[in-house]
Structures are given as C-alpha cells and as structure tokens.
Amino acid sequence: MAGGYPDGQQGSCLWGLTHSQGLGAVCCALLPKVGLSGVNHHEVSSRVRRVVVPAGYTNPQDGQDVALVQLATPVQWSNWIQPVCLPSDDAVFPSGMQCYVTGWGHIREGVSLPGVGTLQEVQVRIIRQMSCQKMYQVLAFTSDQVDILPDMICAGFPEGGRDSCQGDSGGPLVCPMVNGTWVQAGVVSFGQGCAQPNRPGIYAKVSTFASFIRSTQIPVQLEMVLLKIVVNAMYIHAVFPFSMSLPMHSHFSEQRLQTLPL
C-alpha cells in the first residue's frame, strides 16, 4: 500500500466498533485481513476480552445495532493498521455525500465473493432519513414495512446498482471530510435485497452512539480502530480495510464492488 502514517504518528488501541448481530461466540481477532484465504504476513492476533452491546438491543430493525469489542492486548498502528475518527454527537453527513463501504459480502444478490475472497469496496451516497423512508414505502407489502429510526442512516442510490450486501454486516461506512480526515458514519446493519431500486442500505448511525462509546471505553479514546467483524464458528476476524490517512481513488463496477487497491 502506498503511503502510510507519518513519522511520529504512532499509537495503539484496545477497542473496535461493529454491529450487535450474531456476536454470541467471540474468541480472538486477526488483523489486518485482506483475503479470506491465503497468508498475510502483516497479520497480528489478539484475544477478545469482552463485547459490549447497548441495553435493550433485540434485532437490527429495532435499532441500537452496534457493539464495542475490547481486545485483550493493544493494537499497534502501522502502515497496515490505522485508526478512523469517530463523529461527534452533532455530526452531520449531508444527503449526497460520497462515502465508502468495505467487506467480504456477496458481490450481488445471491452471489458469493469468488476466489481467495479479496476485501472489496463500494462507493455510495448518503440519503436523508425522510427520503430513505419514502423509498422503502414504494411497492412495500405490510410484512416488508421498514421504519428508518433516528439511530439509522441510509446510503446507496434511488436507482440501486451499488450497495452493501449479505455478509457485509458489521462493516464500516466511512466518509472523507473537507479537512482530509476520514470519519466512520455508520455500521452495516440491514436492508432488503442488494442494490435494488428504492432499497438503499441501512446503517447504524455512529454519531447517535457517541455517548455510549465514550461511557464504555476506559480510558476515553478520541479515535476508534475500524473493525470488520466476521463471525465464523468460534472465531471472529477483526479487520482494518484500508489506511484512513489516505483518500481512495477507485472506479466502481455497475453492480457492487471493486477489489480494494493495496
């Protein structure tokens, strides 16, 4: 990967952010993970000490779909492992803002990621809450009713074509800010299908959980490690998809994803 962190900007972190779904058996973390198979000489492993979920969480559709993962040993920053900034409580991600999602989910509805399972990315646009709610009411049956709650944020396109998909849940939605920093706006939560018209992806809105994150971390940290959690039997993989200090310059396929350049 070109670039990296400037000299002197080293650090470590014990905490990661993901979603609440399926975190029943958590054992250890491997990072950074670029492919689901094969050898990565930059991997570092750590046991997971605990997972903290907001009180009252039941399912993604009812909101509060985030979880904090505390590692047993600190993660050291490197050219391959870097932090992403957390938004403040009042952070605004305007409609139309271009953001990015990464993960190993399906490349289109019902089609698994082929080959060695290289980490993928897709560019999406923020959709304001009211517009997202109206989209989900188009051709919706009673059983398909979706309520876009205040702790949710939508991203995608009205016409469909680009989206997160099955298997991406828990992954990061990150946005480049005007000052060059990257901020995590959301966590992949749920949706209806993949890349369908009027069905954008629905994400947990990280800014609404700022106080939960601050009250959980001891001591308080101003930056969170960007984690992608993939539950696999008794293990999870904690993943750092890309350097948050560098902007990404990639072209995207019509349907979903393009291999992340490293």
C-alpha atoms as a PDB file:
ATOM      1  CA  MET A   1       0.000   0.000   0.000  1.00  0.00           C
ATOM      2  CA  ALA A   2       1.396   3.386  -0.951  1.00  0.00           C
ATOM      3  CA  GLY A   3       1.869   5.914   1.816  1.00  0.00           C
ATOM      4  CA  GLY A   4       1.161   5.096   5.440  1.00  0.00           C
ATOM      5  CA  TYR A   5       1.326   7.092   8.644  1.00  0.00           C
ATOM      6  CA  PRO A   6       3.764   9.992   9.035  1.00  0.00           C
ATOM      7  CA  ASP A   7       6.709   9.578  11.377  1.00  0.00           C
ATOM      8  CA  GLY A   8       5.734  10.225  14.962  1.00  0.00           C
ATOM      9  CA  GLN A   9       2.040   9.449  14.495  1.00  0.00           C
ATOM     10  CA  GLN A  10       2.160   6.029  16.054  1.00  0.00           C
ATOM     11  CA  GLY A  11      -0.212   4.682  18.677  1.00  0.00           C
ATOM     12  CA  SER A  12      -2.374   1.803  19.733  1.00  0.00           C
ATOM     13  CA  CYS A  13      -5.944   0.981  20.592  1.00  0.00           C
ATOM     14  CA  LEU A  14      -7.883  -1.633  22.566  1.00  0.00           C
ATOM     15  CA  TRP A  15     -11.364  -1.036  21.162  1.00  0.00           C
ATOM     16  CA  GLY A  16     -13.217  -1.713  17.918  1.00  0.00           C
ATOM     17  CA  LEU A  17     -16.698  -0.960  16.586  1.00  0.00           C
ATOM     18  CA  THR A  18     -19.037  -3.402  14.833  1.00  0.00           C
ATOM     19  CA  HIS A  19     -22.712  -4.438  14.909  1.00  0.00           C
ATOM     20  CA  SER A  20     -24.709  -6.389  17.506  1.00  0.00           C
ATOM     21  CA  GLN A  21     -25.903  -9.229  15.287  1.00  0.00           C
ATOM     22  CA  GLY A  22     -24.553 -12.709  15.868  1.00  0.00           C
ATOM     23  CA  LEU A  23     -21.799 -11.874  18.374  1.00  0.00           C
ATOM     24  CA  GLY A  24     -22.537 -14.901  20.504  1.00  0.00           C
ATOM     25  CA  ALA A  25     -19.180 -16.672  20.490  1.00  0.00           C
ATOM     26  CA  VAL A  26     -16.182 -14.391  20.339  1.00  0.00           C
ATOM     27  CA  CYS A  27     -12.679 -15.747  20.801  1.00  0.00           C
ATOM     28  CA  CYS A  28      -9.879 -13.967  19.005  1.00  0.00           C
ATOM     29  CA  ALA A  29      -9.060 -11.354  16.372  1.00  0.00           C
ATOM     30  CA  LEU A  30      -6.790 -11.378  13.335  1.00  0.00           C
ATOM     31  CA  LEU A  31      -5.762  -8.165  11.645  1.00  0.00           C
ATOM     32  CA  PRO A  32      -5.310  -6.758   9.108  1.00  0.00           C
ATOM     33  CA  LYS A  33      -7.236  -9.286   6.989  1.00  0.00           C
ATOM     34  CA  VAL A  34      -7.390  -8.572   3.258  1.00  0.00           C
ATOM     35  CA  GLY A  35      -8.307 -12.007   1.884  1.00  0.00           C
ATOM     36  CA  LEU A  36     -10.497 -14.636   3.500  1.00  0.00           C
ATOM     37  CA  SER A  37      -7.958 -17.269   2.489  1.00  0.00           C
ATOM     38  CA  GLY A  38      -4.219 -17.274   1.971  1.00  0.00           C
ATOM     39  CA  VAL A  39      -1.360 -15.936   4.066  1.00  0.00           C
ATOM     40  CA  ASN A  40      -0.969 -12.339   5.205  1.00  0.00           C
ATOM     41  CA  HIS A  41       2.434 -11.640   6.735  1.00  0.00           C
ATOM     42  CA  HIS A  42       1.141  -8.412   8.268  1.00  0.00           C
ATOM     43  CA  GLU A  43      -1.446 -10.151  10.436  1.00  0.00           C
ATOM     44  CA  VAL A  44      -1.408  -9.664  14.190  1.00  0.00           C
ATOM     45  CA  SER A  45      -3.623 -11.689  16.510  1.00  0.00           C
ATOM     46  CA  SER A  46      -5.269 -10.732  19.782  1.00  0.00           C
ATOM     47  CA  ARG A  47      -7.807 -12.341  22.052  1.00  0.00           C
ATOM     48  CA  VAL A  48     -11.096 -10.527  22.604  1.00  0.00           C
ATOM     49  CA  ARG A  49     -11.672  -9.571  26.234  1.00  0.00           C
ATOM     50  CA  ARG A  50     -15.320  -8.535  26.022  1.00  0.00           C
ATOM     51  CA  VAL A  51     -18.137  -7.350  23.787  1.00  0.00           C
ATOM     52  CA  VAL A  52     -20.457  -4.531  24.907  1.00  0.00           C
ATOM     53  CA  VAL A  53     -23.906  -4.123  23.325  1.00  0.00           C
ATOM     54  CA  PRO A  54     -26.368  -1.287  24.080  1.00  0.00           C
ATOM     55  CA  ALA A  55     -29.003  -2.201  26.632  1.00  0.00           C
ATOM     56  CA  GLY A  56     -32.286  -3.185  25.039  1.00  0.00           C
ATOM     57  CA  TYR A  57     -30.913  -4.383  21.709  1.00  0.00           C
ATOM     58  CA  THR A  58     -33.195  -7.034  20.171  1.00  0.00           C
ATOM     59  CA  ASN A  59     -32.750  -7.004  16.377  1.00  0.00           C
ATOM     60  CA  PRO A  60     -31.379  -4.670  13.684  1.00  0.00           C
ATOM     61  CA  GLN A  61     -34.813  -3.426  12.595  1.00  0.00           C
ATOM     62  CA  ASP A  62     -35.402  -2.042  16.098  1.00  0.00           C
ATOM     63  CA  GLY A  63     -32.137  -0.100  16.113  1.00  0.00           C
ATOM     64  CA  GLN A  64     -29.173   0.048  18.512  1.00  0.00           C
ATOM     65  CA  ASP A  65     -27.279  -2.278  16.179  1.00  0.00           C
ATOM     66  CA  VAL A  66     -23.735  -1.562  17.328  1.00  0.00           C
ATOM     67  CA  ALA A  67     -21.259  -3.363  19.565  1.00  0.00           C
ATOM     68  CA  LEU A  68     -17.925  -2.421  21.100  1.00  0.00           C
ATOM     69  CA  VAL A  69     -15.202  -5.064  21.048  1.00  0.00           C
ATOM     70  CA  GLN A  70     -12.404  -4.807  23.595  1.00  0.00           C
ATOM     71  CA  LEU A  71      -9.186  -6.581  22.669  1.00  0.00           C
ATOM     72  CA  ALA A  72      -7.063  -8.228  25.340  1.00  0.00           C
ATOM     73  CA  THR A  73      -3.876  -6.588  24.037  1.00  0.00           C
ATOM     74  CA  PRO A  74      -3.428  -3.207  22.313  1.00  0.00           C
ATOM     75  CA  VAL A  75      -3.199  -2.999  18.550  1.00  0.00           C
ATOM     76  CA  GLN A  76      -0.176  -1.046  17.342  1.00  0.00           C
ATOM     77  CA  TRP A  77      -0.581   1.310  14.407  1.00  0.00           C
ATOM     78  CA  SER A  78       1.428   0.544  11.282  1.00  0.00           C
ATOM     79  CA  ASN A  79       1.307   1.067   7.527  1.00  0.00           C
ATOM     80  CA  TRP A  80      -1.315  -1.681   7.501  1.00  0.00           C
ATOM     81  CA  ILE A  81      -3.281  -0.891  10.653  1.00  0.00           C
ATOM     82  CA  GLN A  82      -4.631   2.620  11.148  1.00  0.00           C
ATOM     83  CA  PRO A  83      -7.485   4.284  13.077  1.00  0.00           C
ATOM     84  CA  VAL A  84     -10.573   6.065  11.821  1.00  0.00           C
ATOM     85  CA  CYS A  85     -12.135   9.063  13.571  1.00  0.00           C
ATOM     86  CA  LEU A  86     -15.438   8.906  15.403  1.00  0.00           C
ATOM     87  CA  PRO A  87     -18.101  11.513  14.655  1.00  0.00           C
ATOM     88  CA  SER A  88     -19.297  13.885  17.352  1.00  0.00           C
ATOM     89  CA  ASP A  89     -22.840  13.691  18.700  1.00  0.00           C
ATOM     90  CA  ASP A  90     -23.960  16.503  16.394  1.00  0.00           C
ATOM     91  CA  ALA A  91     -22.041  15.423  13.283  1.00  0.00           C
ATOM     92  CA  VAL A  92     -23.981  15.874  10.045  1.00  0.00           C
ATOM     93  CA  PHE A  93     -23.457  13.747   6.936  1.00  0.00           C
ATOM     94  CA  PRO A  94     -25.444  15.618   4.262  1.00  0.00           C
ATOM     95  CA  SER A  95     -27.552  13.981   1.606  1.00  0.00           C
ATOM     96  CA  GLY A  96     -25.460  13.183  -1.462  1.00  0.00           C
ATOM     97  CA  MET A  97     -22.180  12.930   0.438  1.00  0.00           C
ATOM     98  CA  GLN A  98     -19.955  10.240  -1.107  1.00  0.00           C
ATOM     99  CA  CYS A  99     -18.847   7.546   1.324  1.00  0.00           C
ATOM    100  CA  TYR A 100     -17.367   4.056   1.129  1.00  0.00           C
ATOM    101  CA  VAL A 101     -18.262   0.597   2.411  1.00  0.00           C
ATOM    102  CA  THR A 102     -15.857  -2.345   2.631  1.00  0.00           C
ATOM    103  CA  GLY A 103     -16.449  -6.031   3.260  1.00  0.00           C
ATOM    104  CA  TRP A 104     -16.451  -9.626   2.031  1.00  0.00           C
ATOM    105  CA  GLY A 105     -20.160  -9.943   1.403  1.00  0.00           C
ATOM    106  CA  HIS A 106     -21.911 -11.101  -1.748  1.00  0.00           C
ATOM    107  CA  ILE A 107     -20.874  -9.267  -4.925  1.00  0.00           C
ATOM    108  CA  ARG A 108     -24.535  -9.254  -5.979  1.00  0.00           C
ATOM    109  CA  GLU A 109     -27.678 -10.728  -4.532  1.00  0.00           C
ATOM    110  CA  GLY A 110     -27.179 -14.457  -4.029  1.00  0.00           C
ATOM    111  CA  VAL A 111     -23.629 -14.458  -5.485  1.00  0.00           C
ATOM    112  CA  SER A 112     -20.780 -15.063  -3.052  1.00  0.00           C
ATOM    113  CA  LEU A 113     -17.394 -13.389  -3.298  1.00  0.00           C
ATOM    114  CA  PRO A 114     -15.272 -15.647  -5.556  1.00  0.00           C
ATOM    115  CA  GLY A 115     -11.616 -16.650  -5.483  1.00  0.00           C
ATOM    116  CA  VAL A 116      -9.483 -16.016  -2.410  1.00  0.00           C
ATOM    117  CA  GLY A 117     -12.059 -13.582  -1.057  1.00  0.00           C
ATOM    118  CA  THR A 118     -10.217 -10.282  -1.511  1.00  0.00           C
ATOM    119  CA  LEU A 119     -11.619  -7.392   0.510  1.00  0.00           C
ATOM    120  CA  GLN A 120     -13.993  -5.286  -1.594  1.00  0.00           C
ATOM    121  CA  GLU A 121     -15.196  -1.685  -1.539  1.00  0.00           C
ATOM    122  CA  VAL A 122     -18.114   0.254  -2.997  1.00  0.00           C
ATOM    123  CA  GLN A 123     -18.861   3.958  -3.172  1.00  0.00           C
ATOM    124  CA  VAL A 124     -22.327   5.019  -2.020  1.00  0.00           C
ATOM    125  CA  ARG A 125     -24.098   8.300  -1.293  1.00  0.00           C
ATOM    126  CA  ILE A 126     -25.773   9.375   1.920  1.00  0.00           C
ATOM    127  CA  ILE A 127     -29.585   9.542   1.638  1.00  0.00           C
ATOM    128  CA  ARG A 128     -31.512  11.699   4.094  1.00  0.00           C
ATOM    129  CA  GLN A 129     -33.797   9.891   6.503  1.00  0.00           C
ATOM    130  CA  MET A 130     -37.124  11.123   5.136  1.00  0.00           C
ATOM    131  CA  SER A 131     -36.182  10.244   1.554  1.00  0.00           C
ATOM    132  CA  CYS A 132     -34.995   6.811   2.639  1.00  0.00           C
ATOM    133  CA  GLN A 133     -38.283   6.172   4.459  1.00  0.00           C
ATOM    134  CA  LYS A 134     -40.263   7.116   1.355  1.00  0.00           C
ATOM    135  CA  MET A 135     -38.152   4.786  -0.795  1.00  0.00           C
ATOM    136  CA  TYR A 136     -38.891   1.861   1.483  1.00  0.00           C
ATOM    137  CA  GLN A 137     -42.619   2.586   1.146  1.00  0.00           C
ATOM    138  CA  VAL A 138     -42.527   2.110  -2.628  1.00  0.00           C
ATOM    139  CA  LEU A 139     -44.174  -1.231  -3.526  1.00  0.00           C
ATOM    140  CA  ALA A 140     -43.870  -2.305   0.104  1.00  0.00           C
ATOM    141  CA  PHE A 141     -46.088  -5.041   1.495  1.00  0.00           C
ATOM    142  CA  THR A 142     -47.216  -4.894   5.118  1.00  0.00           C
ATOM    143  CA  SER A 143     -44.782  -7.656   6.051  1.00  0.00           C
ATOM    144  CA  ASP A 144     -41.918  -5.685   4.462  1.00  0.00           C
ATOM    145  CA  GLN A 145     -42.519  -2.453   6.372  1.00  0.00           C
ATOM    146  CA  VAL A 146     -39.252  -0.804   7.412  1.00  0.00           C
ATOM    147  CA  ASP A 147     -39.021   2.118   9.803  1.00  0.00           C
ATOM    148  CA  ILE A 148     -35.912   4.288   9.476  1.00  0.00           C
ATOM    149  CA  LEU A 149     -35.224   5.165  13.112  1.00  0.00           C
ATOM    150  CA  PRO A 150     -33.206   8.149  14.412  1.00  0.00           C
ATOM    151  CA  ASP A 151     -30.187   5.916  15.122  1.00  0.00           C
ATOM    152  CA  MET A 152     -30.058   4.753  11.492  1.00  0.00           C
ATOM    153  CA  ILE A 153     -28.518   6.312   8.379  1.00  0.00           C
ATOM    154  CA  CYS A 154     -29.111   5.284   4.763  1.00  0.00           C
ATOM    155  CA  ALA A 155     -26.653   5.146   1.886  1.00  0.00           C
ATOM    156  CA  GLY A 156     -26.943   3.992  -1.697  1.00  0.00           C
ATOM    157  CA  PHE A 157     -28.775   5.190  -4.801  1.00  0.00           C
ATOM    158  CA  PRO A 158     -32.500   5.520  -5.606  1.00  0.00           C
ATOM    159  CA  GLU A 159     -31.937   3.556  -8.816  1.00  0.00           C
ATOM    160  CA  GLY A 160     -29.956   0.846  -6.998  1.00  0.00           C
ATOM    161  CA  GLY A 161     -26.869  -0.676  -8.569  1.00  0.00           C
ATOM    162  CA  ARG A 162     -24.379  -0.176  -5.705  1.00  0.00           C
ATOM    163  CA  ASP A 163     -24.866  -1.389  -2.175  1.00  0.00           C
ATOM    164  CA  SER A 164     -23.539  -3.428   0.708  1.00  0.00           C
ATOM    165  CA  CYS A 165     -24.878  -6.972   0.650  1.00  0.00           C
ATOM    166  CA  GLN A 166     -25.299 -10.171   2.658  1.00  0.00           C
ATOM    167  CA  GLY A 167     -22.106 -10.883   4.569  1.00  0.00           C
ATOM    168  CA  ASP A 168     -21.086  -7.226   4.895  1.00  0.00           C
ATOM    169  CA  SER A 169     -22.987  -6.678   8.149  1.00  0.00           C
ATOM    170  CA  GLY A 170     -20.859  -5.112  10.873  1.00  0.00           C
ATOM    171  CA  GLY A 171     -18.554  -3.434   8.387  1.00  0.00           C
ATOM    172  CA  PRO A 172     -17.736   0.280   8.202  1.00  0.00           C
ATOM    173  CA  LEU A 173     -19.350   3.111   6.285  1.00  0.00           C
ATOM    174  CA  VAL A 174     -16.658   5.812   6.195  1.00  0.00           C
ATOM    175  CA  CYS A 175     -16.709   9.303   4.722  1.00  0.00           C
ATOM    176  CA  PRO A 176     -13.896  11.719   3.764  1.00  0.00           C
ATOM    177  CA  MET A 177     -14.308  15.130   5.399  1.00  0.00           C
ATOM    178  CA  VAL A 178     -13.315  18.509   3.950  1.00  0.00           C
ATOM    179  CA  ASN A 179     -10.199  18.646   6.161  1.00  0.00           C
ATOM    180  CA  GLY A 180      -8.915  15.352   4.767  1.00  0.00           C
ATOM    181  CA  THR A 181      -9.790  13.156   7.744  1.00  0.00           C
ATOM    182  CA  TRP A 182     -11.925  10.026   7.493  1.00  0.00           C
ATOM    183  CA  VAL A 183     -14.891   9.565   9.825  1.00  0.00           C
ATOM    184  CA  GLN A 184     -16.985   6.456  10.399  1.00  0.00           C
ATOM    185  CA  ALA A 185     -20.578   7.487   9.725  1.00  0.00           C
ATOM    186  CA  GLY A 186     -22.186   4.071  10.007  1.00  0.00           C
ATOM    187  CA  VAL A 187     -22.026   0.337  10.590  1.00  0.00           C
ATOM    188  CA  VAL A 188     -23.608  -2.006   8.021  1.00  0.00           C
ATOM    189  CA  SER A 189     -26.879  -3.158   9.592  1.00  0.00           C
ATOM    190  CA  PHE A 190     -29.625  -4.438   7.269  1.00  0.00           C
ATOM    191  CA  GLY A 191     -31.675  -3.832   4.126  1.00  0.00           C
ATOM    192  CA  GLN A 192     -33.952  -5.570   1.639  1.00  0.00           C
ATOM    193  CA  GLY A 193     -32.030  -7.449  -1.009  1.00  0.00           C
ATOM    194  CA  CYS A 194     -28.898  -5.936  -2.529  1.00  0.00           C
ATOM    195  CA  ALA A 195     -28.604  -2.906  -4.800  1.00  0.00           C
ATOM    196  CA  GLN A 196     -32.312  -2.888  -5.605  1.00  0.00           C
ATOM    197  CA  PRO A 197     -34.117   0.307  -6.670  1.00  0.00           C
ATOM    198  CA  ASN A 198     -35.636   2.227  -3.736  1.00  0.00           C
ATOM    199  CA  ARG A 199     -33.944  -0.085  -1.235  1.00  0.00           C
ATOM    200  CA  PRO A 200     -30.716   1.604  -0.075  1.00  0.00           C
ATOM    201  CA  GLY A 201     -28.547   0.073   2.614  1.00  0.00           C
ATOM    202  CA  ILE A 202     -29.426   0.862   6.212  1.00  0.00           C
ATOM    203  CA  TYR A 203     -26.601   1.515   8.677  1.00  0.00           C
ATOM    204  CA  ALA A 204     -26.339   2.141  12.395  1.00  0.00           C
ATOM    205  CA  LYS A 205     -25.636   5.884  12.733  1.00  0.00           C
ATOM    206  CA  VAL A 206     -22.420   6.066  14.753  1.00  0.00           C
ATOM    207  CA  SER A 207     -22.941   9.671  15.910  1.00  0.00           C
ATOM    208  CA  THR A 208     -26.011   8.660  17.926  1.00  0.00           C
ATOM    209  CA  PHE A 209     -23.864   6.227  19.897  1.00  0.00           C
ATOM    210  CA  ALA A 210     -21.092   8.692  20.764  1.00  0.00           C
ATOM    211  CA  SER A 211     -22.079   8.886  24.441  1.00  0.00           C
ATOM    212  CA  PHE A 212     -22.419   5.081  24.654  1.00  0.00           C
ATOM    213  CA  ILE A 213     -18.927   4.698  23.189  1.00  0.00           C
ATOM    214  CA  ARG A 214     -17.418   7.325  25.482  1.00  0.00           C
ATOM    215  CA  SER A 215     -19.025   5.861  28.595  1.00  0.00           C
ATOM    216  CA  THR A 216     -17.892   2.323  27.717  1.00  0.00           C
ATOM    217  CA  GLN A 217     -14.243   2.994  26.895  1.00  0.00           C
ATOM    218  CA  ILE A 218     -11.856   3.222  29.831  1.00  0.00           C
ATOM    219  CA  PRO A 219      -9.941   5.445  29.387  1.00  0.00           C
ATOM    220  CA  VAL A 220     -11.821   7.504  26.814  1.00  0.00           C
ATOM    221  CA  GLN A 221     -10.164   7.397  23.394  1.00  0.00           C
ATOM    222  CA  LEU A 222     -10.769  10.004  20.719  1.00  0.00           C
ATOM    223  CA  GLU A 223     -10.190   7.587  17.869  1.00  0.00           C
ATOM    224  CA  MET A 224     -11.601   4.130  17.314  1.00  0.00           C
ATOM    225  CA  VAL A 225      -9.989   1.296  15.438  1.00  0.00           C
ATOM    226  CA  LEU A 226     -12.003   0.413  12.375  1.00  0.00           C
ATOM    227  CA  LEU A 227     -13.023  -3.213  12.678  1.00  0.00           C
ATOM    228  CA  LYS A 228     -14.927  -5.522  10.396  1.00  0.00           C
ATOM    229  CA  ILE A 229     -16.191  -8.462  12.412  1.00  0.00           C
ATOM    230  CA  VAL A 230     -16.955 -11.700  10.626  1.00  0.00           C
ATOM    231  CA  VAL A 231     -18.407 -14.341  12.924  1.00  0.00           C
ATOM    232  CA  ASN A 232     -17.205 -17.802  11.919  1.00  0.00           C
ATOM    233  CA  ALA A 233     -17.959 -20.617  14.362  1.00  0.00           C
ATOM    234  CA  MET A 234     -15.923 -19.753  17.497  1.00  0.00           C
ATOM    235  CA  TYR A 235     -13.830 -17.023  15.911  1.00  0.00           C
ATOM    236  CA  ILE A 236     -14.072 -13.514  14.577  1.00  0.00           C
ATOM    237  CA  HIS A 237     -11.748 -11.647  12.268  1.00  0.00           C
ATOM    238  CA  ALA A 238     -11.104  -8.036  13.203  1.00  0.00           C
ATOM    239  CA  VAL A 239     -10.217  -6.263  10.011  1.00  0.00           C
ATOM    240  CA  PHE A 240      -8.662  -2.953   9.062  1.00  0.00           C
ATOM    241  CA  PRO A 241      -9.636  -2.482   5.414  1.00  0.00           C
ATOM    242  CA  PHE A 242      -7.503   0.495   4.420  1.00  0.00           C
ATOM    243  CA  SER A 243      -5.383   3.353   5.690  1.00  0.00           C
ATOM    244  CA  MET A 244      -7.665   6.127   6.889  1.00  0.00           C
ATOM    245  CA  SER A 245      -4.892   8.674   6.352  1.00  0.00           C
ATOM    246  CA  LEU A 246      -5.119   8.358   2.583  1.00  0.00           C
ATOM    247  CA  PRO A 247      -8.051   9.046   0.226  1.00  0.00           C
ATOM    248  CA  MET A 248      -9.123   6.198  -2.034  1.00  0.00           C
ATOM    249  CA  HIS A 249      -9.166   6.631  -5.790  1.00  0.00           C
ATOM    250  CA  SER A 250     -11.025   3.722  -7.339  1.00  0.00           C
ATOM    251  CA  HIS A 251     -13.538   3.114 -10.072  1.00  0.00           C
ATOM    252  CA  PHE A 252     -16.600   1.081  -9.209  1.00  0.00           C
ATOM    253  CA  SER A 253     -18.478  -1.572 -11.116  1.00  0.00           C
ATOM    254  CA  GLU A 254     -22.124  -1.052 -12.001  1.00  0.00           C
ATOM    255  CA  GLN A 255     -23.347  -3.790  -9.682  1.00  0.00           C
ATOM    256  CA  ARG A 256     -21.393  -3.618  -6.447  1.00  0.00           C
ATOM    257  CA  LEU A 257     -17.715  -3.859  -5.818  1.00  0.00           C
ATOM    258  CA  GLN A 258     -14.166  -3.416  -6.955  1.00  0.00           C
ATOM    259  CA  THR A 259     -11.113  -5.005  -5.399  1.00  0.00           C
ATOM    260  CA  LEU A 260      -9.525  -2.679  -2.867  1.00  0.00           C
ATOM    261  CA  PRO A 261      -6.127  -1.455  -4.092  1.00  0.00           C
ATOM    262  CA  LEU A 262      -3.330  -2.012  -1.579  1.00  0.00           C
END
